[in-house]
Amino acid sequence: MKFSLLYRNYVDEIKDRDDPLEEEMSNTVYDLSIDRAARAICRDKESFNYFMEVIKAPLMNTEDIKYRQDILMDFVASPKLLDELRMIFKSYDSLQSDWHEMCSSIYTYGVPSTVKGLLDCTYESLKATSNFARSTVSYFRSISDAVDKYEVKSDGLIGIKEYCSAMSVNESLDEITRIGSYFLREGVAAYEFRVLVETDDTLTIRGSSLLSAVELEARSIGRSLKKLMGNITKTNPPPDDTPEIDMGEFHLEESYTILNDALYEVYTVLSGITGNIYEFFRGLSGELSFFDTGLQYCRYLAQAGMPMCLPKMMPQEEDCFRANGIYDIQLIAEGIAAENIVRNDIRIDKDTDGVLIRGANTSGKTSLLRAFGTAQLFAQAGLPVCATGAVISIRNAVMTLFASSEEEFNAGDAAGRFEGEVQQMARILDRLVPYTLLLLNESFQTTAYREGAVGMQHILEVLPRVKCKYIFVTWLMQMFDMTGGGSVRQMQMGGEGFPAYKIHEPEG
């Protein structure tokens, strides 16, 4: 069992992604410059890496996105709660590695060659596991107390609060805490042990279980003698007529072996139970780093004086992208003042196959394309988008084919670059899945303009057949004559009396 703040159904959501699709998503976040935006808002490299991995694995269900959105909004309303939980779970996530390190250090020089040495190592392992068990259980109260101080509305945080509250009064966990407190002294010599030995008809020892461990008063340093354990193995207590054997009748090594087996049984059971309990919250510090980046992102936009909104998410079948006041987050990083950042409106509905956008060089076409792609990926990550309002349907993938700038094209090997783009496009077409959003930036540039336009026309005609929406910014003017019709929207950036960087329907 595992709890997650990123995934409503952890088992269903966490699975190996298809390698080709993962590669395409890596290309997409690079083309959209999301990595540059993330570096401006992430606290450190670790947070950056985690954030980028989440962005490259978009959610595919509106309920899952709502689950993540609601948690982020709770943290926006109560940022101190996020700070507290990050500190708690960072410490929590180190528990298991510290435990493993302690257990490994016990056998630094290998398995002991003597029975007494093996017994001492078993006890040290049990002591380390007892500390791990007690610490793990104590976190339920800490987590419950932290969340209880704030008013939370999300299913995720309410769920974690209710679970921890219930676990804090769980009698079985109390028993684990009690058992864990038994084995904190320096060594086996500090205790008097009582062991149940199982034998066969030939009196050969087949197993041993610890019945009790009493801390010796002489070694308690001021602490009173107390009984520490009773029947921890959950077996029925031996009947009153069970013979007790004086251990003096056995060789000392045999007694060590019997006690070692009994302590190892406790160690094994305690390790298994505690390990299963620990797994429930393991990894939440990483998930909280994503929400911390999300919170930093909201602050970043607010400090820049730019709007943001949580988009209304629609299922794939709605096949739409509608946004008001959308803009590219990279413009903020470039130092452009809020009043100088042009925001655009766009509407792509189910009956729209794709959008062609033309405009002069440096008219803002690429920036607008980045805004579309970033909004799609951020929306499916449960984050606000850079817009005043948005309705966005889920996409199974977001793929990009970004060519070099026009200046680089004119100065470089146009034929070689064109051939490379054709190969990239062939790879993308092989990996297309239904409800993909394909973003094309000045693709198929060639000195033979007609050749590039015709080639792209054939590709754009195929895309709607696999339910792939496309947005294509280009200076191949022939494309606008070849793709007429109501299913393809034709847009223009600025010019012809319109404000610069503003998208609009071309006249005529």
Protein backbone atom coordinates (compact mmCIF):
# COMPACT_ATOMS: atom_id res chain seq x y z
CA MET A 1 0.00 0.00 0.00
CA LYS A 2 1.29 3.47 -0.84
CA PHE A 3 -0.06 6.97 -0.42
CA SER A 4 0.61 9.65 -3.03
CA LEU A 5 -0.10 13.36 -3.27
CA LEU A 6 0.65 13.39 -6.99
CA TYR A 7 -1.49 10.45 -8.05
CA ARG A 8 -5.03 9.73 -6.95
CA ASN A 9 -4.54 6.04 -7.76
CA TYR A 10 -0.85 5.41 -7.31
CA VAL A 11 -0.78 1.82 -8.57
CA ASP A 12 -2.73 2.69 -11.72
CA GLU A 13 -0.72 5.81 -12.56
CA ILE A 14 2.86 4.70 -11.83
CA LYS A 15 3.99 2.45 -14.60
CA ASP A 16 6.77 2.24 -17.14
CA ARG A 17 6.23 4.70 -19.95
CA ASP A 18 6.76 3.72 -23.54
CA ASP A 19 10.39 4.61 -24.31
CA PRO A 20 9.75 6.24 -27.72
CA LEU A 21 7.00 8.42 -26.26
CA GLU A 22 9.22 9.38 -23.32
CA GLU A 23 11.91 10.44 -25.77
CA GLU A 24 9.44 12.63 -27.66
CA MET A 25 8.28 14.27 -24.43
CA SER A 26 11.90 15.06 -23.55
CA ASN A 27 12.29 16.75 -26.93
CA THR A 28 9.06 18.64 -26.38
CA VAL A 29 9.99 20.19 -23.02
CA TYR A 30 13.31 21.25 -24.53
CA ASP A 31 11.73 22.81 -27.63
CA LEU A 32 9.21 24.65 -25.46
CA SER A 33 12.02 25.95 -23.21
CA ILE A 34 10.23 24.59 -20.15
CA ASP A 35 13.62 23.64 -18.74
CA ARG A 36 14.67 27.31 -18.81
CA ALA A 37 11.44 28.38 -17.12
CA ALA A 38 11.85 25.67 -14.47
CA ARG A 39 15.37 26.82 -13.60
CA ALA A 40 13.95 30.24 -12.81
CA ILE A 41 11.46 28.86 -10.30
CA CYS A 42 12.96 25.66 -8.80
CA ARG A 43 14.85 25.93 -5.52
CA ASP A 44 17.65 23.54 -6.43
CA LYS A 45 18.82 20.94 -8.94
CA GLU A 46 17.01 18.11 -7.17
CA SER A 47 13.69 19.98 -7.31
CA PHE A 48 14.35 20.87 -10.95
CA ASN A 49 14.96 17.24 -11.95
CA TYR A 50 11.83 16.04 -10.14
CA PHE A 51 9.69 18.79 -11.65
CA MET A 52 10.86 18.01 -15.16
CA GLU A 53 10.12 14.29 -14.76
CA VAL A 54 6.56 15.06 -13.63
CA ILE A 55 6.00 17.48 -16.52
CA LYS A 56 7.13 14.81 -19.00
CA ALA A 57 4.53 12.37 -17.61
CA PRO A 58 1.21 14.21 -18.10
CA LEU A 59 -1.89 12.97 -16.33
CA MET A 60 -4.52 11.35 -18.52
CA ASN A 61 -7.66 11.69 -16.41
CA THR A 62 -9.59 14.81 -15.43
CA GLU A 63 -10.20 13.50 -11.91
CA ASP A 64 -6.50 12.87 -11.39
CA ILE A 65 -5.70 16.42 -12.52
CA LYS A 66 -8.38 17.85 -10.20
CA TYR A 67 -6.88 15.83 -7.34
CA ARG A 68 -3.48 17.47 -7.89
CA GLN A 69 -4.93 20.95 -8.52
CA ASP A 70 -6.83 20.90 -5.23
CA ILE A 71 -3.75 19.92 -3.24
CA LEU A 72 -1.74 22.73 -4.81
CA MET A 73 -4.49 25.22 -3.97
CA ASP A 74 -4.41 24.06 -0.33
CA PHE A 75 -0.69 24.79 -0.27
CA VAL A 76 -1.22 28.17 -1.95
CA ALA A 77 -3.69 29.00 0.83
CA SER A 78 -1.44 27.55 3.57
CA PRO A 79 2.22 27.72 2.47
CA LYS A 80 3.44 27.06 6.02
CA LEU A 81 1.75 23.66 5.88
CA LEU A 82 3.83 22.81 2.83
CA ASP A 83 7.01 23.88 4.65
CA GLU A 84 6.13 21.75 7.67
CA LEU A 85 5.29 18.67 5.62
CA ARG A 86 8.43 19.03 3.49
CA MET A 87 10.55 19.06 6.66
CA ILE A 88 8.71 16.08 8.14
CA PHE A 89 8.85 13.92 5.00
CA LYS A 90 12.44 14.81 4.21
CA SER A 91 13.34 13.39 7.60
CA TYR A 92 10.94 10.49 7.08
CA ASP A 93 12.48 9.52 3.74
CA SER A 94 15.91 9.31 5.36
CA LEU A 95 14.74 6.79 7.96
CA GLN A 96 15.04 3.70 5.78
CA SER A 97 18.43 4.60 4.32
CA ASP A 98 19.75 5.31 7.82
CA TRP A 99 18.39 1.96 9.00
CA HIS A 100 19.98 0.09 6.11
CA GLU A 101 23.27 1.89 6.70
CA MET A 102 23.23 0.98 10.38
CA CYS A 103 22.44 -2.67 9.64
CA SER A 104 25.12 -2.83 6.96
CA SER A 105 27.75 -1.36 9.27
CA ILE A 106 27.13 -4.17 11.73
CA TYR A 107 28.50 -6.66 9.22
CA THR A 108 31.32 -4.43 7.95
CA TYR A 109 33.82 -7.26 8.34
CA GLY A 110 31.48 -10.02 7.17
CA VAL A 111 29.46 -12.58 9.10
CA PRO A 112 31.12 -13.40 12.45
CA SER A 113 32.84 -16.77 12.71
CA THR A 114 31.73 -17.44 16.29
CA VAL A 115 28.25 -18.11 17.63
CA LYS A 116 28.65 -15.38 20.27
CA GLY A 117 29.71 -12.90 17.58
CA LEU A 118 26.67 -13.82 15.47
CA LEU A 119 24.41 -13.34 18.50
CA ASP A 120 25.86 -9.90 19.14
CA CYS A 121 25.34 -8.91 15.48
CA THR A 122 21.76 -10.20 15.54
CA TYR A 123 21.03 -8.16 18.63
CA GLU A 124 22.60 -5.03 17.08
CA SER A 125 20.44 -5.52 13.97
CA LEU A 126 17.37 -5.92 16.18
CA LYS A 127 18.29 -2.76 18.09
CA ALA A 128 18.67 -0.78 14.85
CA THR A 129 15.34 -2.12 13.59
CA SER A 130 13.67 -1.24 16.89
CA ASN A 131 14.79 2.36 16.47
CA PHE A 132 13.50 2.33 12.88
CA ALA A 133 10.13 0.91 14.01
CA ARG A 134 9.64 3.40 16.83
CA SER A 135 10.64 6.34 14.64
CA THR A 136 8.38 5.28 11.76
CA VAL A 137 5.33 4.93 14.00
CA SER A 138 6.00 8.29 15.69
CA TYR A 139 5.62 10.12 12.37
CA PHE A 140 1.90 9.38 12.16
CA ARG A 141 1.27 11.69 15.10
CA SER A 142 3.62 14.36 13.72
CA ILE A 143 1.92 14.36 10.31
CA SER A 144 -1.56 14.40 11.83
CA ASP A 145 -0.68 17.31 14.13
CA ALA A 146 0.84 19.30 11.25
CA VAL A 147 -2.16 18.97 8.92
CA ASP A 148 -4.67 19.45 11.74
CA LYS A 149 -3.48 23.02 12.29
CA TYR A 150 -4.75 24.13 8.88
CA GLU A 151 -8.05 24.08 7.04
CA VAL A 152 -7.55 21.80 4.06
CA LYS A 153 -10.11 21.06 1.37
CA SER A 154 -8.36 18.67 -1.02
CA ASP A 155 -9.09 14.96 -0.97
CA GLY A 156 -5.37 14.24 -0.80
CA LEU A 157 -4.59 16.22 2.35
CA ILE A 158 -7.86 15.29 4.03
CA GLY A 159 -7.04 11.65 3.30
CA ILE A 160 -3.57 11.86 4.78
CA LYS A 161 -4.94 13.65 7.84
CA GLU A 162 -7.65 11.06 8.50
CA TYR A 163 -5.31 8.12 7.93
CA CYS A 164 -2.64 9.48 10.28
CA SER A 165 -5.22 10.30 12.95
CA ALA A 166 -6.51 6.72 12.82
CA MET A 167 -3.02 5.24 12.86
CA SER A 168 -2.05 7.39 15.85
CA VAL A 169 -4.53 5.48 18.05
CA ASN A 170 -4.01 2.08 16.42
CA GLU A 171 -3.35 -0.57 19.09
CA SER A 172 -1.20 -2.65 16.76
CA LEU A 173 1.11 0.30 16.20
CA ASP A 174 1.25 0.86 19.94
CA GLU A 175 2.44 -2.71 20.26
CA ILE A 176 5.15 -2.13 17.67
CA THR A 177 6.28 0.92 19.66
CA ARG A 178 6.37 -1.13 22.85
CA ILE A 179 8.33 -3.94 21.21
CA GLY A 180 10.72 -1.42 19.69
CA SER A 181 11.38 0.07 23.12
CA TYR A 182 12.51 -3.30 24.51
CA PHE A 183 15.79 -3.52 22.65
CA LEU A 184 17.62 -0.28 23.24
CA ARG A 185 20.38 -1.35 25.62
CA GLU A 186 23.98 -1.87 24.57
CA GLY A 187 24.00 -5.66 24.33
CA VAL A 188 22.42 -9.00 25.22
CA ALA A 189 24.21 -9.03 28.58
CA ALA A 190 21.82 -6.30 29.75
CA TYR A 191 18.85 -8.69 29.66
CA GLU A 192 17.53 -11.90 31.06
CA PHE A 193 15.76 -13.78 28.25
CA ARG A 194 13.09 -16.44 28.40
CA VAL A 195 12.89 -18.63 25.27
CA LEU A 196 10.45 -21.27 24.10
CA VAL A 197 12.32 -24.11 22.37
CA GLU A 198 10.61 -26.47 19.93
CA THR A 199 12.05 -29.97 19.59
CA ASP A 200 11.16 -33.12 17.69
CA ASP A 201 10.79 -36.64 19.06
CA THR A 202 14.56 -37.03 19.18
CA LEU A 203 14.88 -33.82 21.23
CA THR A 204 16.58 -32.13 18.30
CA ILE A 205 15.94 -28.39 18.44
CA ARG A 206 13.78 -27.29 15.51
CA GLY A 207 13.07 -23.69 16.46
CA SER A 208 13.06 -21.16 19.26
CA SER A 209 10.88 -18.15 20.03
CA LEU A 210 11.41 -15.35 22.48
CA LEU A 211 8.81 -15.28 25.23
CA SER A 212 10.12 -12.41 27.33
CA ALA A 213 13.07 -10.15 27.91
CA VAL A 214 13.68 -8.57 31.28
CA GLU A 215 16.16 -5.73 31.64
CA LEU A 216 18.51 -6.48 34.50
CA GLU A 217 18.18 -4.00 37.34
CA ALA A 218 21.90 -3.93 37.98
CA ARG A 219 22.50 -2.51 34.51
CA SER A 220 19.58 -0.09 34.39
CA ILE A 221 21.52 2.83 35.92
CA GLY A 222 18.88 4.12 38.22
CA ARG A 223 15.91 2.77 36.31
CA SER A 224 13.60 0.37 38.06
CA LEU A 225 13.32 -3.26 37.04
CA LYS A 226 10.44 -3.74 34.66
CA LYS A 227 9.03 -6.45 32.51
CA LEU A 228 9.57 -5.52 28.91
CA MET A 229 7.89 -8.14 26.80
CA GLY A 230 5.16 -10.72 26.88
CA ASN A 231 4.55 -13.32 24.21
CA ILE A 232 5.61 -11.08 21.29
CA THR A 233 5.42 -13.98 18.83
CA LYS A 234 1.62 -14.10 19.13
CA THR A 235 1.79 -17.80 19.99
CA ASN A 236 -0.26 -19.26 22.80
CA PRO A 237 1.64 -19.23 26.10
CA PRO A 238 3.02 -22.61 27.11
CA PRO A 239 0.87 -24.60 29.52
CA ASP A 240 1.81 -24.52 33.15
CA ASP A 241 3.26 -28.03 32.97
CA THR A 242 5.78 -27.12 30.23
CA PRO A 243 9.14 -28.11 31.65
CA GLU A 244 11.69 -25.37 32.10
CA ILE A 245 15.22 -26.47 31.34
CA ASP A 246 18.15 -25.00 33.18
CA MET A 247 20.39 -23.56 30.50
CA GLY A 248 23.36 -24.67 32.52
CA GLU A 249 22.70 -28.19 31.29
CA PHE A 250 23.54 -27.08 27.70
CA HIS A 251 26.82 -26.07 26.30
CA LEU A 252 27.20 -22.28 26.22
CA GLU A 253 27.41 -22.14 22.42
CA GLU A 254 24.14 -24.05 22.12
CA SER A 255 22.43 -21.52 24.36
CA TYR A 256 23.82 -18.72 22.20
CA THR A 257 22.44 -20.45 19.12
CA ILE A 258 18.98 -20.83 20.66
CA LEU A 259 18.87 -17.19 21.76
CA ASN A 260 20.20 -16.00 18.40
CA ASP A 261 17.42 -17.83 16.57
CA ALA A 262 14.80 -16.35 18.89
CA LEU A 263 16.10 -12.79 18.50
CA TYR A 264 16.45 -13.21 14.74
CA GLU A 265 12.78 -14.20 14.54
CA VAL A 266 11.81 -10.97 16.32
CA TYR A 267 14.11 -9.01 14.00
CA THR A 268 12.58 -10.60 10.88
CA VAL A 269 8.97 -10.01 11.92
CA LEU A 270 9.63 -6.46 13.12
CA SER A 271 11.55 -5.62 9.93
CA GLY A 272 8.78 -6.92 7.69
CA ILE A 273 5.94 -5.19 9.50
CA THR A 274 7.76 -1.87 9.84
CA GLY A 275 8.98 -1.98 6.25
CA ASN A 276 5.40 -2.38 5.00
CA ILE A 277 4.20 0.49 7.18
CA TYR A 278 7.09 2.70 6.09
CA GLU A 279 6.31 2.18 2.39
CA PHE A 280 2.97 3.93 2.77
CA PHE A 281 4.57 7.39 2.92
CA ARG A 282 7.94 6.72 1.29
CA GLY A 283 8.85 9.21 -1.43
CA LEU A 284 6.48 11.99 -0.37
CA SER A 285 9.35 14.44 0.11
CA GLY A 286 9.96 14.29 -3.65
CA GLU A 287 6.28 14.78 -4.41
CA LEU A 288 6.20 17.76 -2.06
CA SER A 289 9.14 19.27 -3.92
CA PHE A 290 6.92 19.33 -7.01
CA PHE A 291 4.22 21.23 -5.11
CA ASP A 292 6.89 23.56 -3.73
CA THR A 293 7.96 24.33 -7.30
CA GLY A 294 4.29 24.83 -8.21
CA LEU A 295 3.97 27.31 -5.36
CA GLN A 296 7.15 29.10 -6.46
CA TYR A 297 5.73 29.22 -9.99
CA CYS A 298 2.54 30.92 -8.75
CA ARG A 299 4.59 33.45 -6.80
CA TYR A 300 6.82 34.03 -9.83
CA LEU A 301 3.84 35.01 -11.99
CA ALA A 302 2.24 37.07 -9.23
CA GLN A 303 5.44 39.04 -8.59
CA ALA A 304 5.70 39.73 -12.32
CA GLY A 305 2.14 41.06 -12.26
CA MET A 306 0.94 38.44 -14.74
CA PRO A 307 -2.38 36.55 -14.60
CA MET A 308 -2.78 32.80 -14.15
CA CYS A 309 -5.70 30.42 -13.93
CA LEU A 310 -6.50 26.81 -13.19
CA PRO A 311 -7.85 25.48 -16.48
CA LYS A 312 -11.07 23.56 -16.74
CA MET A 313 -9.95 20.15 -17.93
CA MET A 314 -12.01 18.21 -20.45
CA PRO A 315 -11.76 14.57 -21.55
CA GLN A 316 -9.85 13.68 -24.72
CA GLU A 317 -13.01 13.31 -26.78
CA GLU A 318 -13.77 17.03 -26.44
CA ASP A 319 -10.63 17.66 -28.53
CA CYS A 320 -10.40 21.36 -27.70
CA PHE A 321 -8.02 24.11 -26.61
CA ARG A 322 -9.56 27.43 -25.65
CA ALA A 323 -7.64 30.12 -23.80
CA ASN A 324 -8.04 33.81 -23.10
CA GLY A 325 -5.09 36.06 -22.46
CA ILE A 326 -2.49 33.35 -23.01
CA TYR A 327 1.20 34.31 -22.98
CA ASP A 328 4.67 32.76 -22.91
CA ILE A 329 6.29 32.46 -19.47
CA GLN A 330 9.70 32.90 -21.12
CA LEU A 331 8.89 36.55 -21.75
CA ILE A 332 9.03 37.14 -18.00
CA ALA A 333 12.46 35.49 -17.79
CA GLU A 334 13.61 37.76 -20.61
CA GLY A 335 12.82 40.77 -18.44
CA ILE A 336 9.85 42.11 -20.40
CA ALA A 337 7.57 44.18 -18.19
CA ALA A 338 4.03 42.95 -17.64
CA GLU A 339 2.47 45.88 -19.47
CA ASN A 340 4.53 45.07 -22.55
CA ILE A 341 3.67 41.37 -22.71
CA VAL A 342 0.96 40.85 -25.33
CA ARG A 343 -1.68 38.28 -24.38
CA ASN A 344 -3.69 36.43 -27.02
CA ASP A 345 -6.98 34.55 -27.28
CA ILE A 346 -7.22 31.25 -29.11
CA ARG A 347 -10.06 28.83 -29.75
CA ILE A 348 -9.54 25.37 -31.22
CA ASP A 349 -12.64 23.18 -31.16
CA LYS A 350 -13.39 19.60 -32.09
CA ASP A 351 -14.23 20.50 -35.69
CA THR A 352 -10.87 22.24 -36.19
CA ASP A 353 -8.20 20.06 -37.76
CA GLY A 354 -5.40 22.50 -37.08
CA VAL A 355 -4.19 26.08 -37.03
CA LEU A 356 -1.81 27.83 -39.43
CA ILE A 357 -0.14 30.98 -38.10
CA ARG A 358 1.89 33.26 -40.30
CA GLY A 359 3.78 36.44 -39.61
CA ALA A 360 6.98 38.30 -40.24
CA ASN A 361 10.22 37.25 -38.64
CA THR A 362 10.36 38.16 -34.91
CA SER A 363 6.60 38.74 -34.89
CA GLY A 364 6.11 36.44 -31.90
CA LYS A 365 5.01 33.24 -33.66
CA THR A 366 7.42 30.98 -31.79
CA SER A 367 6.60 32.61 -28.46
CA LEU A 368 2.89 31.99 -29.08
CA LEU A 369 3.58 28.36 -29.99
CA ARG A 370 5.58 27.89 -26.78
CA ALA A 371 2.67 29.39 -24.84
CA PHE A 372 0.26 26.80 -26.31
CA GLY A 373 2.52 23.83 -25.61
CA THR A 374 3.50 24.95 -22.10
CA ALA A 375 -0.14 25.55 -21.20
CA GLN A 376 -1.06 22.04 -22.35
CA LEU A 377 1.69 20.34 -20.34
CA PHE A 378 1.23 22.50 -17.24
CA ALA A 379 -2.52 21.89 -17.36
CA GLN A 380 -1.99 18.12 -17.42
CA ALA A 381 0.48 18.44 -14.55
CA GLY A 382 -2.21 20.01 -12.37
CA LEU A 383 -0.62 23.47 -12.48
CA PRO A 384 -2.11 26.87 -13.31
CA VAL A 385 -1.51 28.10 -16.85
CA CYS A 386 -0.35 31.49 -18.10
CA ALA A 387 -3.76 32.81 -19.13
CA THR A 388 -6.79 34.58 -17.71
CA GLY A 389 -9.05 31.61 -18.47
CA ALA A 390 -8.74 28.26 -20.22
CA VAL A 391 -10.64 25.13 -21.20
CA ILE A 392 -8.25 22.40 -22.28
CA SER A 393 -8.86 18.79 -23.23
CA ILE A 394 -6.41 16.05 -22.30
CA ARG A 395 -3.79 15.01 -24.86
CA ASN A 396 -2.11 11.63 -24.95
CA ALA A 397 1.09 13.33 -26.09
CA VAL A 398 2.50 16.72 -27.02
CA MET A 399 5.09 16.53 -29.78
CA THR A 400 7.17 19.25 -31.39
CA LEU A 401 9.25 19.83 -34.50
CA PHE A 402 11.07 23.12 -34.09
CA ALA A 403 13.31 24.26 -36.95
CA SER A 404 16.19 26.69 -36.66
CA SER A 405 15.54 30.39 -36.90
CA GLU A 406 15.24 32.01 -40.28
CA GLU A 407 18.67 33.64 -39.92
CA GLU A 408 20.34 30.29 -39.26
CA PHE A 409 18.42 28.76 -42.13
CA ASN A 410 19.62 31.35 -44.61
CA ALA A 411 23.23 31.05 -43.47
CA GLY A 412 23.44 27.28 -43.18
CA ASP A 413 23.05 24.13 -45.22
CA ALA A 414 19.38 24.41 -46.17
CA ALA A 415 19.24 21.11 -48.03
CA GLY A 416 20.84 19.18 -45.19
CA ARG A 417 18.58 20.80 -42.61
CA PHE A 418 15.50 20.04 -44.69
CA GLU A 419 16.50 16.39 -44.99
CA GLY A 420 17.03 16.19 -41.23
CA GLU A 421 13.58 17.64 -40.55
CA VAL A 422 12.00 15.13 -42.92
CA GLN A 423 13.62 12.33 -40.93
CA GLN A 424 12.40 13.83 -37.65
CA MET A 425 8.90 14.14 -39.02
CA ALA A 426 8.95 10.50 -40.14
CA ARG A 427 9.92 9.49 -36.60
CA ILE A 428 7.10 11.58 -35.12
CA LEU A 429 4.54 10.10 -37.52
CA ASP A 430 5.63 6.59 -36.48
CA ARG A 431 4.99 7.48 -32.84
CA LEU A 432 1.75 9.40 -33.18
CA VAL A 433 -1.08 8.27 -30.91
CA PRO A 434 -4.71 9.45 -30.99
CA TYR A 435 -5.31 12.86 -29.44
CA THR A 436 -1.79 14.13 -29.90
CA LEU A 437 -1.04 17.85 -30.07
CA LEU A 438 1.67 18.49 -32.69
CA LEU A 439 3.46 21.84 -32.62
CA LEU A 440 5.38 22.78 -35.76
CA ASN A 441 7.71 25.75 -35.78
CA GLU A 442 8.96 26.90 -39.17
CA SER A 443 9.27 23.26 -40.22
CA PHE A 444 10.29 22.08 -43.68
CA GLN A 445 12.31 25.14 -44.53
CA THR A 446 14.00 24.76 -47.90
CA THR A 447 15.21 27.00 -50.65
CA ALA A 448 12.63 25.25 -52.86
CA TYR A 449 9.62 26.81 -51.12
CA ARG A 450 7.11 24.92 -53.22
CA GLU A 451 8.75 21.62 -52.37
CA GLY A 452 8.55 22.30 -48.64
CA ALA A 453 4.95 23.51 -48.78
CA VAL A 454 3.70 20.53 -50.79
CA GLY A 455 5.44 18.07 -48.53
CA MET A 456 3.96 19.66 -45.42
CA GLN A 457 0.50 19.84 -47.01
CA HIS A 458 0.41 16.06 -47.46
CA ILE A 459 1.42 15.54 -43.83
CA LEU A 460 -1.18 17.96 -42.48
CA GLU A 461 -3.89 16.16 -44.45
CA VAL A 462 -2.99 12.88 -42.74
CA LEU A 463 -2.90 14.17 -39.14
CA PRO A 464 -6.69 14.57 -38.62
CA ARG A 465 -7.20 10.93 -39.57
CA VAL A 466 -5.38 9.87 -36.40
CA LYS A 467 -7.13 12.55 -34.30
CA CYS A 468 -4.01 14.68 -34.12
CA LYS A 469 -4.44 18.42 -33.71
CA TYR A 470 -1.66 20.64 -35.02
CA ILE A 471 -0.53 24.24 -34.71
CA PHE A 472 1.90 25.27 -37.43
CA VAL A 473 3.70 28.61 -37.47
CA THR A 474 5.38 29.19 -40.80
CA TRP A 475 6.57 31.64 -43.38
CA LEU A 476 5.71 29.23 -46.22
CA MET A 477 3.01 31.49 -47.62
CA GLN A 478 1.91 28.82 -50.12
CA MET A 479 0.53 26.81 -47.22
CA PHE A 480 -2.31 29.29 -46.78
CA ASP A 481 -3.46 28.80 -50.36
CA MET A 482 -3.22 25.02 -50.11
CA THR A 483 -5.11 24.54 -46.84
CA GLY A 484 -8.21 26.58 -47.31
CA GLY A 485 -11.48 25.42 -45.80
CA GLY A 486 -13.35 25.62 -42.53
CA SER A 487 -11.49 22.78 -40.80
CA VAL A 488 -8.15 24.64 -40.82
CA ARG A 489 -7.97 27.99 -39.05
CA GLN A 490 -5.64 30.56 -40.58
CA MET A 491 -4.21 33.18 -38.25
CA GLN A 492 -1.72 35.99 -38.53
CA MET A 493 0.61 37.67 -36.05
CA GLY A 494 0.32 41.46 -36.05
CA GLY A 495 0.75 43.46 -39.23
CA GLU A 496 -1.90 44.95 -41.52
CA GLY A 497 -2.92 47.56 -38.98
CA PHE A 498 -3.07 45.15 -36.03
CA PRO A 499 -0.93 45.49 -32.88
CA ALA A 500 2.41 43.70 -32.93
CA TYR A 501 2.45 40.17 -31.46
CA LYS A 502 -1.36 40.02 -31.55
CA ILE A 503 -2.95 37.05 -33.29
CA HIS A 504 -5.96 37.64 -35.53
CA GLU A 505 -7.86 36.26 -38.47
CA PRO A 506 -6.24 37.49 -41.72
CA GLU A 507 -8.36 39.80 -43.81
CA GLY A 508 -9.72 38.51 -47.11
